[in-house]
Amino acid sequence: MKKIEIAQFGGSETLQLVDAPTPTPTGTQLLVKVAAAGVNFVDIYQRNGNPVYGMKVPYTPGMEGAGVVEAVGSDVRTIKVGDRVAWTWALGSYAEYAIVEEAKAAIVPSGLELEEVAAFMLQGITGHYLTNSTYEIKAGDIALVHAAAGGTGSLIAQLILLKGGTVIGTTSTEAKEATVRALGVQHVIRYDKEDFVAEVKKITGGRGVDVVYDGVGAKTFDQSLLCLKPRGMMVLFGAASGAVPPFEIMRLNSSGSLFLTRPTLAHYVADAAEFKGRCDAIFDLLLKGKLTVRIDKRYALGDAHKAHDDLASGKTSGKLILVP
């Protein structure tokens, strides 16, 4: 089979297409023929050797995908050969065949396309935990969502609207603004030409927002704190523009007794039951047509480096997927 392998940390050139034996599942493992694999910023962080992720080379990247089960280990109990499954936070998806633990796989209901689900899993579950667990959006809440045209930002925005909240979305181009408005977001700030702090204060009548969902990181963090109402929450869930440097914690006090959290998906799908519950919830919304997933580009497996470069450029709108 073909797969992508990273033999050393570095830039996108480290993503090499190689031949490898098709693995055999054992125990509670599934062997899945991959229909599509999602491309995400976490893949870039891992490829760069960010010590937070504890990666060891060589390895096959890709935390998210969907496909059809080809074989199962002897201890698999609930999933069978021929089932359509999807997963997230399971390394090794940039391949024609992937090994996935049964506990990390969800059966895809009929009515959903595998490419659509592969493009949705990480962002969908991330959006679900951010808006239901990290900070539970309530009707009437006002949320600032950075990069609202992107794969994660667009899903967070939709989930907030479904829960009766108001979204203020930031983005950087006219085309991306149109994408965000098409989701039903009424307040869109072009941070390439507007001061988003001033605009947020104007929109909220000086009150500030209840919560900021920030996956951008270094470029937006300081100003995002200024957008919060007293006792508001800053949810820093990513670092697309780079990591936020250390800062003086008393700023949270002087800015209005603010809350700050840096969540990660792994802690919100800590067991199979929690993972399944979140999957069921987002699959139901997809089936009912209440969520929109936009696939921006599809790439051949051997073009994984192009997908990484495009994602890192900040010029994409929607999800990027690899199709083996």
C-alpha atoms as a PDB file:
ATOM      1  CA  MET A   1       0.000   0.000   0.000  1.00  0.00           C
ATOM      2  CA  LYS A   2       0.952   3.669  -0.288  1.00  0.00           C
ATOM      3  CA  LYS A   3       1.281   5.928   2.711  1.00  0.00           C
ATOM      4  CA  ILE A   4       2.891   9.182   3.778  1.00  0.00           C
ATOM      5  CA  GLU A   5       5.841   8.869   6.141  1.00  0.00           C
ATOM      6  CA  ILE A   6       7.746  11.503   8.090  1.00  0.00           C
ATOM      7  CA  ALA A   7      11.324  10.399   8.787  1.00  0.00           C
ATOM      8  CA  GLN A   8      12.454  13.697  10.325  1.00  0.00           C
ATOM      9  CA  PHE A   9      10.747  16.795  11.669  1.00  0.00           C
ATOM     10  CA  GLY A  10      10.651  19.896   9.493  1.00  0.00           C
ATOM     11  CA  GLY A  11       8.768  21.522   6.645  1.00  0.00           C
ATOM     12  CA  SER A  12       6.248  20.066   4.221  1.00  0.00           C
ATOM     13  CA  GLU A  13       9.079  18.452   2.224  1.00  0.00           C
ATOM     14  CA  THR A  14       9.332  15.839   5.001  1.00  0.00           C
ATOM     15  CA  LEU A  15       6.001  14.341   3.857  1.00  0.00           C
ATOM     16  CA  GLN A  16       7.185  11.477   1.681  1.00  0.00           C
ATOM     17  CA  LEU A  17       5.037   8.962  -0.225  1.00  0.00           C
ATOM     18  CA  VAL A  18       6.347   5.443   0.441  1.00  0.00           C
ATOM     19  CA  ASP A  19       5.371   1.826  -0.141  1.00  0.00           C
ATOM     20  CA  ALA A  20       4.596  -0.292   2.913  1.00  0.00           C
ATOM     21  CA  PRO A  21       3.001  -3.663   3.698  1.00  0.00           C
ATOM     22  CA  THR A  22      -0.713  -3.539   4.435  1.00  0.00           C
ATOM     23  CA  PRO A  23      -0.961  -3.968   8.224  1.00  0.00           C
ATOM     24  CA  THR A  24      -2.897  -6.736   9.947  1.00  0.00           C
ATOM     25  CA  PRO A  25      -5.279  -5.772  12.762  1.00  0.00           C
ATOM     26  CA  THR A  26      -4.919  -7.488  16.124  1.00  0.00           C
ATOM     27  CA  GLY A  27      -6.881  -7.318  19.371  1.00  0.00           C
ATOM     28  CA  THR A  28      -9.324  -4.430  19.258  1.00  0.00           C
ATOM     29  CA  GLN A  29      -7.949  -2.953  16.041  1.00  0.00           C
ATOM     30  CA  LEU A  30      -9.726  -2.322  12.748  1.00  0.00           C
ATOM     31  CA  LEU A  31      -8.094  -2.295   9.320  1.00  0.00           C
ATOM     32  CA  VAL A  32      -9.833   0.424   7.313  1.00  0.00           C
ATOM     33  CA  LYS A  33      -9.550   1.190   3.609  1.00  0.00           C
ATOM     34  CA  VAL A  34      -9.316   4.975   3.773  1.00  0.00           C
ATOM     35  CA  ALA A  35     -11.807   6.894   1.622  1.00  0.00           C
ATOM     36  CA  ALA A  36     -10.514  10.295   2.729  1.00  0.00           C
ATOM     37  CA  ALA A  37      -8.281  11.786   5.397  1.00  0.00           C
ATOM     38  CA  GLY A  38      -8.671  15.247   6.862  1.00  0.00           C
ATOM     39  CA  VAL A  39      -5.779  17.736   6.833  1.00  0.00           C
ATOM     40  CA  ASN A  40      -5.494  19.814  10.006  1.00  0.00           C
ATOM     41  CA  PHE A  41      -3.210  22.262  11.766  1.00  0.00           C
ATOM     42  CA  VAL A  42      -2.399  19.630  14.378  1.00  0.00           C
ATOM     43  CA  ASP A  43      -0.744  17.624  11.583  1.00  0.00           C
ATOM     44  CA  ILE A  44       1.537  20.602  10.902  1.00  0.00           C
ATOM     45  CA  TYR A  45       2.337  21.110  14.600  1.00  0.00           C
ATOM     46  CA  GLN A  46       3.304  17.432  14.884  1.00  0.00           C
ATOM     47  CA  ARG A  47       5.332  17.521  11.656  1.00  0.00           C
ATOM     48  CA  ASN A  48       7.278  20.511  12.945  1.00  0.00           C
ATOM     49  CA  GLY A  49       8.299  18.536  16.034  1.00  0.00           C
ATOM     50  CA  ASN A  50       6.336  20.572  18.578  1.00  0.00           C
ATOM     51  CA  PRO A  51       7.317  18.887  21.873  1.00  0.00           C
ATOM     52  CA  VAL A  52       3.780  19.216  23.236  1.00  0.00           C
ATOM     53  CA  TYR A  53       2.723  16.287  21.038  1.00  0.00           C
ATOM     54  CA  GLY A  54       5.571  13.925  21.916  1.00  0.00           C
ATOM     55  CA  MET A  55       5.925  12.574  18.373  1.00  0.00           C
ATOM     56  CA  LYS A  56       8.679  10.139  17.453  1.00  0.00           C
ATOM     57  CA  VAL A  57       9.886   9.602  13.898  1.00  0.00           C
ATOM     58  CA  PRO A  58       9.293   7.807  11.649  1.00  0.00           C
ATOM     59  CA  TYR A  59       5.512   7.979  11.673  1.00  0.00           C
ATOM     60  CA  THR A  60       2.531   8.332   9.346  1.00  0.00           C
ATOM     61  CA  PRO A  61       0.587  11.554  10.003  1.00  0.00           C
ATOM     62  CA  GLY A  62      -3.134  12.207   9.911  1.00  0.00           C
ATOM     63  CA  MET A  63      -5.465  12.143  12.908  1.00  0.00           C
ATOM     64  CA  GLU A  64      -8.801  12.032  11.101  1.00  0.00           C
ATOM     65  CA  GLY A  65     -10.466  10.040   8.358  1.00  0.00           C
ATOM     66  CA  ALA A  66     -13.267   7.824   7.132  1.00  0.00           C
ATOM     67  CA  GLY A  67     -13.455   4.578   5.204  1.00  0.00           C
ATOM     68  CA  VAL A  68     -14.687   0.997   5.029  1.00  0.00           C
ATOM     69  CA  VAL A  69     -13.592  -1.750   7.425  1.00  0.00           C
ATOM     70  CA  GLU A  70     -11.574  -4.454   5.607  1.00  0.00           C
ATOM     71  CA  ALA A  71     -10.623  -6.678   8.570  1.00  0.00           C
ATOM     72  CA  VAL A  72     -10.976  -6.723  12.360  1.00  0.00           C
ATOM     73  CA  GLY A  73      -8.914  -8.011  15.273  1.00  0.00           C
ATOM     74  CA  SER A  74     -10.035 -10.963  17.352  1.00  0.00           C
ATOM     75  CA  ASP A  75     -11.300  -8.811  20.229  1.00  0.00           C
ATOM     76  CA  VAL A  76     -13.455  -6.414  18.187  1.00  0.00           C
ATOM     77  CA  ARG A  77     -17.055  -6.668  19.363  1.00  0.00           C
ATOM     78  CA  THR A  78     -19.272  -3.963  17.867  1.00  0.00           C
ATOM     79  CA  ILE A  79     -17.871  -3.204  14.404  1.00  0.00           C
ATOM     80  CA  LYS A  80     -17.752  -5.668  11.517  1.00  0.00           C
ATOM     81  CA  VAL A  81     -16.154  -6.000   8.101  1.00  0.00           C
ATOM     82  CA  GLY A  82     -17.969  -3.796   5.588  1.00  0.00           C
ATOM     83  CA  ASP A  83     -19.047  -1.157   8.100  1.00  0.00           C
ATOM     84  CA  ARG A  84     -18.410   2.449   7.168  1.00  0.00           C
ATOM     85  CA  VAL A  85     -16.516   4.158   9.970  1.00  0.00           C
ATOM     86  CA  ALA A  86     -14.945   7.505  10.805  1.00  0.00           C
ATOM     87  CA  TRP A  87     -12.415   8.514  13.426  1.00  0.00           C
ATOM     88  CA  THR A  88     -10.509  11.388  14.929  1.00  0.00           C
ATOM     89  CA  TRP A  89      -7.437  11.603  17.131  1.00  0.00           C
ATOM     90  CA  ALA A  90      -6.147   8.309  15.689  1.00  0.00           C
ATOM     91  CA  LEU A  91      -2.718   8.696  14.091  1.00  0.00           C
ATOM     92  CA  GLY A  92      -1.878   7.196  10.679  1.00  0.00           C
ATOM     93  CA  SER A  93      -4.690   8.398   8.404  1.00  0.00           C
ATOM     94  CA  TYR A  94      -2.490   9.601   5.511  1.00  0.00           C
ATOM     95  CA  ALA A  95      -2.503   6.147   3.936  1.00  0.00           C
ATOM     96  CA  GLU A  96      -4.461   3.811   1.691  1.00  0.00           C
ATOM     97  CA  TYR A  97      -5.125   1.604   4.729  1.00  0.00           C
ATOM     98  CA  ALA A  98      -5.159   2.644   8.388  1.00  0.00           C
ATOM     99  CA  ILE A  99      -5.241   0.814  11.695  1.00  0.00           C
ATOM    100  CA  VAL A 100      -7.843   2.316  14.033  1.00  0.00           C
ATOM    101  CA  GLU A 101      -8.793   1.206  17.537  1.00  0.00           C
ATOM    102  CA  GLU A 102     -12.430   0.145  17.795  1.00  0.00           C
ATOM    103  CA  ALA A 103     -12.989   2.614  20.663  1.00  0.00           C
ATOM    104  CA  LYS A 104     -11.868   5.494  18.439  1.00  0.00           C
ATOM    105  CA  ALA A 105     -14.099   4.611  15.487  1.00  0.00           C
ATOM    106  CA  ALA A 106     -17.719   5.618  14.961  1.00  0.00           C
ATOM    107  CA  ILE A 107     -20.095   3.903  12.549  1.00  0.00           C
ATOM    108  CA  VAL A 108     -21.171   6.372   9.860  1.00  0.00           C
ATOM    109  CA  PRO A 109     -24.956   6.374   9.404  1.00  0.00           C
ATOM    110  CA  SER A 110     -26.435   5.884   5.968  1.00  0.00           C
ATOM    111  CA  GLY A 111     -27.218   9.167   4.289  1.00  0.00           C
ATOM    112  CA  LEU A 112     -23.785  10.657   4.924  1.00  0.00           C
ATOM    113  CA  GLU A 113     -20.933  10.556   2.410  1.00  0.00           C
ATOM    114  CA  LEU A 114     -17.544   9.344   3.633  1.00  0.00           C
ATOM    115  CA  GLU A 115     -15.652  12.338   2.229  1.00  0.00           C
ATOM    116  CA  GLU A 116     -18.079  14.694   3.943  1.00  0.00           C
ATOM    117  CA  VAL A 117     -17.628  12.899   7.262  1.00  0.00           C
ATOM    118  CA  ALA A 118     -13.833  12.762   6.916  1.00  0.00           C
ATOM    119  CA  ALA A 119     -13.883  16.526   6.410  1.00  0.00           C
ATOM    120  CA  PHE A 120     -16.054  16.991   9.463  1.00  0.00           C
ATOM    121  CA  MET A 121     -14.884  14.742  12.284  1.00  0.00           C
ATOM    122  CA  LEU A 122     -12.142  16.774  13.936  1.00  0.00           C
ATOM    123  CA  GLN A 123     -13.786  20.166  13.479  1.00  0.00           C
ATOM    124  CA  GLY A 124     -17.269  18.850  14.257  1.00  0.00           C
ATOM    125  CA  ILE A 125     -16.287  17.189  17.520  1.00  0.00           C
ATOM    126  CA  THR A 126     -14.058  20.151  18.390  1.00  0.00           C
ATOM    127  CA  GLY A 127     -16.947  22.537  17.802  1.00  0.00           C
ATOM    128  CA  HIS A 128     -19.215  20.324  19.887  1.00  0.00           C
ATOM    129  CA  TYR A 129     -16.974  20.199  22.939  1.00  0.00           C
ATOM    130  CA  LEU A 130     -16.051  23.880  22.719  1.00  0.00           C
ATOM    131  CA  THR A 131     -19.684  25.041  22.626  1.00  0.00           C
ATOM    132  CA  ASN A 132     -21.146  22.423  24.974  1.00  0.00           C
ATOM    133  CA  SER A 133     -18.417  21.654  27.500  1.00  0.00           C
ATOM    134  CA  THR A 134     -15.515  24.135  27.535  1.00  0.00           C
ATOM    135  CA  TYR A 135     -17.960  27.033  27.510  1.00  0.00           C
ATOM    136  CA  GLU A 136     -21.608  26.013  27.237  1.00  0.00           C
ATOM    137  CA  ILE A 137     -23.304  28.443  24.895  1.00  0.00           C
ATOM    138  CA  LYS A 138     -26.685  29.603  26.133  1.00  0.00           C
ATOM    139  CA  ALA A 139     -29.401  31.467  24.265  1.00  0.00           C
ATOM    140  CA  GLY A 140     -28.501  35.144  24.255  1.00  0.00           C
ATOM    141  CA  ASP A 141     -24.744  34.666  24.621  1.00  0.00           C
ATOM    142  CA  ILE A 142     -22.484  36.675  22.323  1.00  0.00           C
ATOM    143  CA  ALA A 143     -19.363  34.928  21.024  1.00  0.00           C
ATOM    144  CA  LEU A 144     -16.385  36.203  19.050  1.00  0.00           C
ATOM    145  CA  VAL A 145     -15.181  33.538  16.613  1.00  0.00           C
ATOM    146  CA  HIS A 146     -11.857  34.134  14.904  1.00  0.00           C
ATOM    147  CA  ALA A 147     -11.177  32.759  11.409  1.00  0.00           C
ATOM    148  CA  ALA A 148     -14.895  32.139  11.029  1.00  0.00           C
ATOM    149  CA  ALA A 149     -14.567  31.102   7.376  1.00  0.00           C
ATOM    150  CA  GLY A 150     -12.192  28.253   8.169  1.00  0.00           C
ATOM    151  CA  GLY A 151     -13.071  24.621   8.765  1.00  0.00           C
ATOM    152  CA  THR A 152     -13.250  24.869  12.559  1.00  0.00           C
ATOM    153  CA  GLY A 153     -14.445  28.457  12.810  1.00  0.00           C
ATOM    154  CA  SER A 154     -17.364  27.913  10.456  1.00  0.00           C
ATOM    155  CA  LEU A 155     -18.607  24.908  12.427  1.00  0.00           C
ATOM    156  CA  ILE A 156     -18.239  26.695  15.766  1.00  0.00           C
ATOM    157  CA  ALA A 157     -20.251  29.581  14.355  1.00  0.00           C
ATOM    158  CA  GLN A 158     -23.024  27.295  13.138  1.00  0.00           C
ATOM    159  CA  LEU A 159     -23.242  25.470  16.472  1.00  0.00           C
ATOM    160  CA  ILE A 160     -23.472  28.753  18.384  1.00  0.00           C
ATOM    161  CA  LEU A 161     -26.300  29.945  16.145  1.00  0.00           C
ATOM    162  CA  LEU A 162     -28.138  26.641  16.584  1.00  0.00           C
ATOM    163  CA  LYS A 163     -27.981  27.126  20.364  1.00  0.00           C
ATOM    164  CA  GLY A 164     -29.485  30.600  20.153  1.00  0.00           C
ATOM    165  CA  GLY A 165     -26.271  32.574  20.531  1.00  0.00           C
ATOM    166  CA  THR A 166     -25.013  35.553  18.543  1.00  0.00           C
ATOM    167  CA  VAL A 167     -21.791  35.245  16.550  1.00  0.00           C
ATOM    168  CA  ILE A 168     -19.316  37.985  15.739  1.00  0.00           C
ATOM    169  CA  GLY A 169     -16.980  36.451  13.177  1.00  0.00           C
ATOM    170  CA  THR A 170     -13.614  37.724  11.999  1.00  0.00           C
ATOM    171  CA  THR A 171     -12.111  37.014   8.605  1.00  0.00           C
ATOM    172  CA  SER A 172      -9.677  38.525   6.133  1.00  0.00           C
ATOM    173  CA  THR A 173     -11.060  38.771   2.599  1.00  0.00           C
ATOM    174  CA  GLU A 174     -14.234  39.722   0.760  1.00  0.00           C
ATOM    175  CA  ALA A 175     -14.756  36.141  -0.409  1.00  0.00           C
ATOM    176  CA  LYS A 176     -14.339  34.790   3.112  1.00  0.00           C
ATOM    177  CA  GLU A 177     -16.739  37.419   4.439  1.00  0.00           C
ATOM    178  CA  ALA A 178     -19.359  36.155   1.981  1.00  0.00           C
ATOM    179  CA  THR A 179     -18.726  32.593   3.171  1.00  0.00           C
ATOM    180  CA  VAL A 180     -19.283  33.596   6.805  1.00  0.00           C
ATOM    181  CA  ARG A 181     -22.438  35.574   6.057  1.00  0.00           C
ATOM    182  CA  ALA A 182     -23.836  32.594   4.140  1.00  0.00           C
ATOM    183  CA  LEU A 183     -23.742  30.653   7.422  1.00  0.00           C
ATOM    184  CA  GLY A 184     -26.194  33.139   8.925  1.00  0.00           C
ATOM    185  CA  VAL A 185     -23.626  35.240  10.796  1.00  0.00           C
ATOM    186  CA  GLN A 186     -24.834  38.852  10.836  1.00  0.00           C
ATOM    187  CA  HIS A 187     -21.755  40.489  12.365  1.00  0.00           C
ATOM    188  CA  VAL A 188     -18.581  39.992  10.319  1.00  0.00           C
ATOM    189  CA  ILE A 189     -15.386  41.950  10.978  1.00  0.00           C
ATOM    190  CA  ARG A 190     -12.665  42.218   8.364  1.00  0.00           C
ATOM    191  CA  TYR A 191      -9.588  42.256  10.573  1.00  0.00           C
ATOM    192  CA  ASP A 192      -7.437  43.026   7.524  1.00  0.00           C
ATOM    193  CA  LYS A 193      -8.905  46.541   7.462  1.00  0.00           C
ATOM    194  CA  GLU A 194     -10.814  47.033  10.729  1.00  0.00           C
ATOM    195  CA  ASP A 195      -9.861  47.157  14.417  1.00  0.00           C
ATOM    196  CA  PHE A 196     -11.769  44.138  15.683  1.00  0.00           C
ATOM    197  CA  VAL A 197     -11.670  45.314  19.330  1.00  0.00           C
ATOM    198  CA  ALA A 198     -13.348  48.607  18.428  1.00  0.00           C
ATOM    199  CA  GLU A 199     -15.879  46.840  16.221  1.00  0.00           C
ATOM    200  CA  VAL A 200     -16.749  44.315  18.951  1.00  0.00           C
ATOM    201  CA  LYS A 201     -17.300  47.115  21.454  1.00  0.00           C
ATOM    202  CA  LYS A 202     -19.509  48.913  18.923  1.00  0.00           C
ATOM    203  CA  ILE A 203     -21.584  45.805  18.161  1.00  0.00           C
ATOM    204  CA  THR A 204     -22.052  44.951  21.859  1.00  0.00           C
ATOM    205  CA  GLY A 205     -22.709  48.525  22.989  1.00  0.00           C
ATOM    206  CA  GLY A 206     -19.497  48.524  25.006  1.00  0.00           C
ATOM    207  CA  ARG A 207     -20.424  45.375  26.932  1.00  0.00           C
ATOM    208  CA  GLY A 208     -17.982  42.936  25.376  1.00  0.00           C
ATOM    209  CA  VAL A 209     -18.564  39.290  24.486  1.00  0.00           C
ATOM    210  CA  ASP A 210     -19.255  36.365  26.781  1.00  0.00           C
ATOM    211  CA  VAL A 211     -16.653  34.146  25.135  1.00  0.00           C
ATOM    212  CA  VAL A 212     -13.910  34.286  22.531  1.00  0.00           C
ATOM    213  CA  TYR A 213     -13.090  31.181  20.496  1.00  0.00           C
ATOM    214  CA  ASP A 214      -9.558  31.736  19.225  1.00  0.00           C
ATOM    215  CA  GLY A 215      -7.687  29.212  17.113  1.00  0.00           C
ATOM    216  CA  VAL A 216      -5.370  31.838  15.635  1.00  0.00           C
ATOM    217  CA  GLY A 217      -3.158  32.354  18.664  1.00  0.00           C
ATOM    218  CA  ALA A 218      -0.310  34.884  18.768  1.00  0.00           C
ATOM    219  CA  LYS A 219      -1.749  37.452  16.335  1.00  0.00           C
ATOM    220  CA  THR A 220      -5.137  37.787  18.026  1.00  0.00           C
ATOM    221  CA  PHE A 221      -4.694  36.778  21.673  1.00  0.00           C
ATOM    222  CA  ASP A 222      -3.906  40.143  23.312  1.00  0.00           C
ATOM    223  CA  GLN A 223      -6.697  41.993  21.539  1.00  0.00           C
ATOM    224  CA  SER A 224      -9.129  39.132  22.142  1.00  0.00           C
ATOM    225  CA  LEU A 225      -8.779  39.613  25.900  1.00  0.00           C
ATOM    226  CA  LEU A 226      -9.877  43.220  25.412  1.00  0.00           C
ATOM    227  CA  CYS A 227     -13.096  42.019  23.735  1.00  0.00           C
ATOM    228  CA  LEU A 228     -14.373  40.108  26.764  1.00  0.00           C
ATOM    229  CA  LYS A 229     -16.950  41.350  29.237  1.00  0.00           C
ATOM    230  CA  PRO A 230     -16.056  41.098  32.939  1.00  0.00           C
ATOM    231  CA  ARG A 231     -15.854  37.411  33.927  1.00  0.00           C
ATOM    232  CA  GLY A 232     -15.865  36.415  30.264  1.00  0.00           C
ATOM    233  CA  MET A 233     -13.969  33.385  28.996  1.00  0.00           C
ATOM    234  CA  MET A 234     -11.076  33.226  26.557  1.00  0.00           C
ATOM    235  CA  VAL A 235     -10.990  29.828  24.830  1.00  0.00           C
ATOM    236  CA  LEU A 236      -7.622  29.475  23.121  1.00  0.00           C
ATOM    237  CA  PHE A 237      -7.906  26.214  21.193  1.00  0.00           C
ATOM    238  CA  GLY A 238      -5.218  26.620  18.525  1.00  0.00           C
ATOM    239  CA  ALA A 239      -2.174  28.529  17.349  1.00  0.00           C
ATOM    240  CA  ALA A 240      -2.396  28.935  13.582  1.00  0.00           C
ATOM    241  CA  SER A 241      -0.305  32.131  13.745  1.00  0.00           C
ATOM    242  CA  GLY A 242       2.098  30.799  16.361  1.00  0.00           C
ATOM    243  CA  ALA A 243       2.033  30.026  20.073  1.00  0.00           C
ATOM    244  CA  VAL A 244       1.017  32.690  22.572  1.00  0.00           C
ATOM    245  CA  PRO A 245       4.061  33.692  24.633  1.00  0.00           C
ATOM    246  CA  PRO A 246       3.978  33.628  28.448  1.00  0.00           C
ATOM    247  CA  PHE A 247       2.029  36.534  29.915  1.00  0.00           C
ATOM    248  CA  GLU A 248       1.378  38.093  33.309  1.00  0.00           C
ATOM    249  CA  ILE A 249      -1.545  36.267  34.900  1.00  0.00           C
ATOM    250  CA  MET A 250      -2.669  39.402  36.770  1.00  0.00           C
ATOM    251  CA  ARG A 251      -3.873  40.686  33.390  1.00  0.00           C
ATOM    252  CA  LEU A 252      -6.875  38.416  33.854  1.00  0.00           C
ATOM    253  CA  ASN A 253      -7.626  40.210  37.101  1.00  0.00           C
ATOM    254  CA  SER A 254      -7.187  43.755  35.826  1.00  0.00           C
ATOM    255  CA  SER A 255      -9.149  43.043  32.642  1.00  0.00           C
ATOM    256  CA  GLY A 256     -12.272  42.001  34.554  1.00  0.00           C
ATOM    257  CA  SER A 257     -11.638  38.718  36.419  1.00  0.00           C
ATOM    258  CA  LEU A 258     -11.448  36.866  33.129  1.00  0.00           C
ATOM    259  CA  PHE A 259     -11.228  33.119  32.588  1.00  0.00           C
ATOM    260  CA  LEU A 260      -8.640  31.564  30.264  1.00  0.00           C
ATOM    261  CA  THR A 261      -8.484  27.957  29.088  1.00  0.00           C
ATOM    262  CA  ARG A 262      -6.337  26.085  26.576  1.00  0.00           C
ATOM    263  CA  PRO A 263      -8.353  22.930  25.774  1.00  0.00           C
ATOM    264  CA  THR A 264      -7.423  20.008  23.562  1.00  0.00           C
ATOM    265  CA  LEU A 265      -9.691  17.437  21.952  1.00  0.00           C
ATOM    266  CA  ALA A 266      -8.091  14.396  23.592  1.00  0.00           C
ATOM    267  CA  HIS A 267      -9.362  15.451  27.018  1.00  0.00           C
ATOM    268  CA  TYR A 268     -12.925  15.796  25.726  1.00  0.00           C
ATOM    269  CA  VAL A 269     -13.138  12.346  24.128  1.00  0.00           C
ATOM    270  CA  ALA A 270     -11.459  10.659  27.075  1.00  0.00           C
ATOM    271  CA  ASP A 271     -13.464   7.447  26.804  1.00  0.00           C
ATOM    272  CA  ALA A 272     -15.448   5.591  24.177  1.00  0.00           C
ATOM    273  CA  ALA A 273     -18.819   6.669  25.586  1.00  0.00           C
ATOM    274  CA  GLU A 274     -17.953  10.373  25.438  1.00  0.00           C
ATOM    275  CA  PHE A 275     -16.573  10.026  21.915  1.00  0.00           C
ATOM    276  CA  LYS A 276     -19.675   8.150  20.754  1.00  0.00           C
ATOM    277  CA  GLY A 277     -21.999  10.701  22.344  1.00  0.00           C
ATOM    278  CA  ARG A 278     -20.338  13.595  20.554  1.00  0.00           C
ATOM    279  CA  CYS A 279     -20.331  11.682  17.250  1.00  0.00           C
ATOM    280  CA  ASP A 280     -24.024  10.852  17.573  1.00  0.00           C
ATOM    281  CA  ALA A 281     -24.833  14.493  18.234  1.00  0.00           C
ATOM    282  CA  ILE A 282     -22.954  15.894  15.243  1.00  0.00           C
ATOM    283  CA  PHE A 283     -24.062  13.101  12.886  1.00  0.00           C
ATOM    284  CA  ASP A 284     -27.673  13.880  13.809  1.00  0.00           C
ATOM    285  CA  LEU A 285     -27.166  17.558  12.963  1.00  0.00           C
ATOM    286  CA  LEU A 286     -25.584  16.630   9.641  1.00  0.00           C
ATOM    287  CA  LEU A 287     -28.400  14.246   8.742  1.00  0.00           C
ATOM    288  CA  LYS A 288     -30.985  16.906   9.558  1.00  0.00           C
ATOM    289  CA  GLY A 289     -29.197  19.397   7.333  1.00  0.00           C
ATOM    290  CA  LYS A 290     -28.522  21.772  10.212  1.00  0.00           C
ATOM    291  CA  LEU A 291     -24.755  21.895   9.635  1.00  0.00           C
ATOM    292  CA  THR A 292     -22.864  22.690   6.448  1.00  0.00           C
ATOM    293  CA  VAL A 293     -19.454  21.192   5.707  1.00  0.00           C
ATOM    294  CA  ARG A 294     -17.465  22.879   2.960  1.00  0.00           C
ATOM    295  CA  ILE A 295     -14.630  20.949   1.319  1.00  0.00           C
ATOM    296  CA  ASP A 296     -12.306  23.551  -0.168  1.00  0.00           C
ATOM    297  CA  LYS A 297      -9.820  21.243  -1.933  1.00  0.00           C
ATOM    298  CA  ARG A 298      -9.130  17.561  -2.510  1.00  0.00           C
ATOM    299  CA  TYR A 299      -5.565  16.251  -2.948  1.00  0.00           C
ATOM    300  CA  ALA A 300      -4.003  12.973  -3.992  1.00  0.00           C
ATOM    301  CA  LEU A 301      -2.080  11.232  -1.228  1.00  0.00           C
ATOM    302  CA  GLY A 302       1.235  12.115  -2.844  1.00  0.00           C
ATOM    303  CA  ASP A 303       0.308  15.812  -2.733  1.00  0.00           C
ATOM    304  CA  ALA A 304       0.063  15.939   1.053  1.00  0.00           C
ATOM    305  CA  HIS A 305       2.880  18.512   1.106  1.00  0.00           C
ATOM    306  CA  LYS A 306       0.806  20.843  -1.080  1.00  0.00           C
ATOM    307  CA  ALA A 307      -2.149  20.471   1.270  1.00  0.00           C
ATOM    308  CA  HIS A 308       0.042  21.417   4.255  1.00  0.00           C
ATOM    309  CA  ASP A 309       1.435  24.443   2.434  1.00  0.00           C
ATOM    310  CA  ASP A 310      -2.031  25.601   1.402  1.00  0.00           C
ATOM    311  CA  LEU A 311      -3.420  25.207   4.935  1.00  0.00           C
ATOM    312  CA  ALA A 312      -0.477  27.065   6.472  1.00  0.00           C
ATOM    313  CA  SER A 313      -0.858  29.911   3.964  1.00  0.00           C
ATOM    314  CA  GLY A 314      -4.139  31.024   5.534  1.00  0.00           C
ATOM    315  CA  LYS A 315      -5.675  31.392   2.085  1.00  0.00           C
ATOM    316  CA  THR A 316      -8.044  28.405   2.260  1.00  0.00           C
ATOM    317  CA  SER A 317     -11.703  28.558   3.180  1.00  0.00           C
ATOM    318  CA  GLY A 318     -13.226  25.301   4.325  1.00  0.00           C
ATOM    319  CA  LYS A 319     -11.678  21.868   4.749  1.00  0.00           C
ATOM    320  CA  LEU A 320      -8.805  20.200   2.914  1.00  0.00           C
ATOM    321  CA  ILE A 321      -8.832  16.424   2.454  1.00  0.00           C
ATOM    322  CA  LEU A 322      -6.558  13.761   1.013  1.00  0.00           C
ATOM    323  CA  VAL A 323      -8.172  11.115  -1.187  1.00  0.00           C
ATOM    324  CA  PRO A 324      -5.930   8.013  -1.445  1.00  0.00           C
END
